[in-house]
Every structure is written in C-alpha cells, then in structure tokens.
Amino acid sequence: MSIGAFSVSLAAKAIYIIKNFYEKPGFKEFVGNIAGKRLIMKNGGREFNPIKNVGGRR
C-alpha cells in the first residue's frame, strides 16, 4: 500500500545551508530557487520545502 507523496516545510534562516545538506542524500531542486527565497527539493516521492524565515522569531 502506498500513502503517496510526503512533503515537509521548514523555516530556515540560512536556506543555502539547508539546500547543501539535503543535496547529499539525493534531493534535487524541483521548483523555485534560493534567490527567489522559495525552493522545493525532491527525492523520489519525497518533497522538502525550506522556507526563508523573513519574519517571525529571531
């Protein structure tokens, strides 16, 4: 039985560090880019969405 795609979104102060970390296990840029402060990374059926923390707590 398949549960379908699994997606996670996280706020990140240093999105480029998160991107480099997730590229090591095979995630690739899927939608967006760091310059646009929006990036979705994909590895098979798994998606990861690091979001640049522009407001919120510091």
N, C-alpha and C. Protein backbone atom coordinates (compact mmCIF):
# COMPACT_ATOMS: atom_id res chain seq x y z
N MET A 1 0.84 -1.18 0.00
CA MET A 1 0.00 0.00 0.00
C MET A 1 0.89 1.24 0.00
N SER A 2 0.59 2.18 -0.85
CA SER A 2 1.34 3.43 -0.95
C SER A 2 0.53 4.56 -0.32
N ILE A 3 1.20 5.39 0.47
CA ILE A 3 0.50 6.54 1.07
C ILE A 3 0.67 7.80 0.23
N GLY A 4 1.37 7.69 -0.88
CA GLY A 4 1.56 8.83 -1.76
C GLY A 4 2.76 9.67 -1.37
N ALA A 5 2.78 10.89 -1.86
CA ALA A 5 3.92 11.79 -1.62
C ALA A 5 3.92 12.27 -0.18
N PHE A 6 5.11 12.49 0.33
CA PHE A 6 5.29 13.03 1.68
C PHE A 6 6.00 14.36 1.53
N SER A 7 5.46 15.40 2.14
CA SER A 7 6.02 16.74 1.98
C SER A 7 6.25 17.39 3.35
N VAL A 8 7.38 18.09 3.49
CA VAL A 8 7.72 18.79 4.73
C VAL A 8 8.13 20.22 4.40
N SER A 9 7.68 21.17 5.21
CA SER A 9 8.11 22.57 5.07
C SER A 9 8.75 23.02 6.37
N LEU A 10 9.89 23.68 6.27
CA LEU A 10 10.60 24.17 7.45
C LEU A 10 11.06 25.59 7.23
N ALA A 11 11.00 26.42 8.27
CA ALA A 11 11.56 27.76 8.20
C ALA A 11 13.07 27.66 8.42
N ALA A 12 13.83 28.39 7.63
CA ALA A 12 15.29 28.32 7.73
C ALA A 12 15.88 29.72 7.62
N LYS A 13 16.82 30.05 8.50
CA LYS A 13 17.50 31.35 8.42
C LYS A 13 18.55 31.34 7.32
N ALA A 14 19.19 30.20 7.09
CA ALA A 14 20.24 30.07 6.07
C ALA A 14 19.83 28.98 5.08
N ILE A 15 18.98 29.35 4.12
CA ILE A 15 18.41 28.38 3.20
C ILE A 15 19.48 27.67 2.37
N TYR A 16 20.58 28.33 2.06
CA TYR A 16 21.63 27.70 1.27
C TYR A 16 22.30 26.56 2.04
N ILE A 17 22.39 26.67 3.35
CA ILE A 17 22.97 25.58 4.16
C ILE A 17 22.03 24.37 4.14
N ILE A 18 20.74 24.62 4.27
CA ILE A 18 19.75 23.54 4.23
C ILE A 18 19.79 22.86 2.86
N LYS A 19 19.87 23.66 1.79
CA LYS A 19 19.93 23.10 0.43
C LYS A 19 21.14 22.18 0.27
N ASN A 20 22.30 22.64 0.68
CA ASN A 20 23.52 21.82 0.58
C ASN A 20 23.39 20.54 1.40
N PHE A 21 22.80 20.63 2.59
CA PHE A 21 22.64 19.47 3.47
C PHE A 21 21.77 18.41 2.79
N TYR A 22 20.64 18.81 2.19
CA TYR A 22 19.71 17.85 1.60
C TYR A 22 20.15 17.36 0.22
N GLU A 23 21.07 18.03 -0.43
CA GLU A 23 21.60 17.52 -1.70
C GLU A 23 22.45 16.27 -1.48
N LYS A 24 23.08 16.15 -0.33
CA LYS A 24 23.94 14.99 -0.04
C LYS A 24 23.18 13.67 -0.11
N PRO A 25 21.96 13.55 0.47
CA PRO A 25 21.24 12.28 0.34
C PRO A 25 20.43 12.15 -0.96
N GLY A 26 20.60 13.09 -1.90
CA GLY A 26 19.99 12.92 -3.21
C GLY A 26 18.84 13.84 -3.57
N PHE A 27 18.49 14.79 -2.71
CA PHE A 27 17.43 15.74 -3.07
C PHE A 27 17.94 16.70 -4.14
N LYS A 28 17.08 17.05 -5.09
CA LYS A 28 17.42 17.97 -6.18
C LYS A 28 16.42 19.12 -6.19
N GLU A 29 16.86 20.28 -6.71
CA GLU A 29 15.93 21.40 -6.88
C GLU A 29 14.81 20.96 -7.80
N PHE A 30 13.57 21.24 -7.39
CA PHE A 30 12.41 20.83 -8.17
C PHE A 30 11.63 22.05 -8.66
N VAL A 31 11.38 22.99 -7.75
CA VAL A 31 10.66 24.23 -8.09
C VAL A 31 11.32 25.37 -7.34
N GLY A 32 11.44 26.52 -7.98
CA GLY A 32 11.97 27.71 -7.33
C GLY A 32 13.49 27.71 -7.25
N ASN A 33 14.01 28.69 -6.49
CA ASN A 33 15.46 28.81 -6.30
C ASN A 33 15.74 29.64 -5.05
N ILE A 34 16.98 29.63 -4.62
CA ILE A 34 17.37 30.35 -3.41
C ILE A 34 17.19 31.86 -3.58
N ALA A 35 17.53 32.39 -4.75
CA ALA A 35 17.41 33.83 -4.98
C ALA A 35 15.97 34.31 -4.79
N GLY A 36 15.01 33.48 -5.17
CA GLY A 36 13.60 33.83 -5.01
C GLY A 36 13.05 33.51 -3.63
N LYS A 37 13.91 33.00 -2.74
CA LYS A 37 13.55 32.65 -1.37
C LYS A 37 12.43 31.61 -1.32
N ARG A 38 12.33 30.81 -2.37
CA ARG A 38 11.35 29.73 -2.42
C ARG A 38 12.00 28.57 -3.14
N LEU A 39 12.04 27.43 -2.49
CA LEU A 39 12.72 26.28 -3.07
C LEU A 39 11.99 25.01 -2.64
N ILE A 40 11.66 24.18 -3.60
CA ILE A 40 11.13 22.85 -3.30
C ILE A 40 12.14 21.85 -3.84
N MET A 41 12.56 20.94 -2.97
CA MET A 41 13.52 19.92 -3.36
C MET A 41 12.79 18.58 -3.37
N LYS A 42 13.21 17.68 -4.26
CA LYS A 42 12.51 16.42 -4.42
C LYS A 42 13.51 15.28 -4.52
N ASN A 43 13.14 14.15 -3.92
CA ASN A 43 13.90 12.91 -4.00
C ASN A 43 12.88 11.79 -4.07
N GLY A 44 12.63 11.27 -5.28
CA GLY A 44 11.58 10.26 -5.44
C GLY A 44 10.23 10.88 -5.14
N GLY A 45 9.46 10.25 -4.24
CA GLY A 45 8.15 10.76 -3.86
C GLY A 45 8.19 11.71 -2.69
N ARG A 46 9.39 12.04 -2.22
CA ARG A 46 9.53 12.92 -1.06
C ARG A 46 9.87 14.34 -1.51
N GLU A 47 9.17 15.30 -0.94
CA GLU A 47 9.43 16.71 -1.24
C GLU A 47 9.79 17.44 0.04
N PHE A 48 10.67 18.40 -0.08
CA PHE A 48 11.14 19.19 1.05
C PHE A 48 11.10 20.65 0.65
N ASN A 49 10.53 21.49 1.50
CA ASN A 49 10.35 22.90 1.17
C ASN A 49 10.96 23.78 2.25
N PRO A 50 12.27 24.09 2.15
CA PRO A 50 12.85 25.03 3.11
C PRO A 50 12.40 26.45 2.77
N ILE A 51 11.85 27.16 3.73
CA ILE A 51 11.32 28.50 3.51
C ILE A 51 12.21 29.50 4.23
N LYS A 52 12.64 30.52 3.53
CA LYS A 52 13.45 31.58 4.14
C LYS A 52 12.62 32.28 5.20
N ASN A 53 13.12 32.30 6.43
CA ASN A 53 12.42 32.92 7.55
C ASN A 53 12.62 34.43 7.49
N VAL A 54 11.65 35.16 6.94
CA VAL A 54 11.79 36.60 6.76
C VAL A 54 11.10 37.40 7.86
N GLY A 55 10.26 36.77 8.63
CA GLY A 55 9.59 37.45 9.74
C GLY A 55 9.77 36.61 10.99
N GLY A 56 8.74 36.50 11.74
CA GLY A 56 8.74 35.57 12.87
C GLY A 56 9.82 35.82 13.91
N ARG A 57 10.07 34.81 14.71
CA ARG A 57 11.03 34.90 15.81
C ARG A 57 12.46 34.91 15.33
N ARG A 58 13.32 35.50 16.13
CA ARG A 58 14.74 35.54 15.82
C ARG A 58 15.53 34.92 16.92
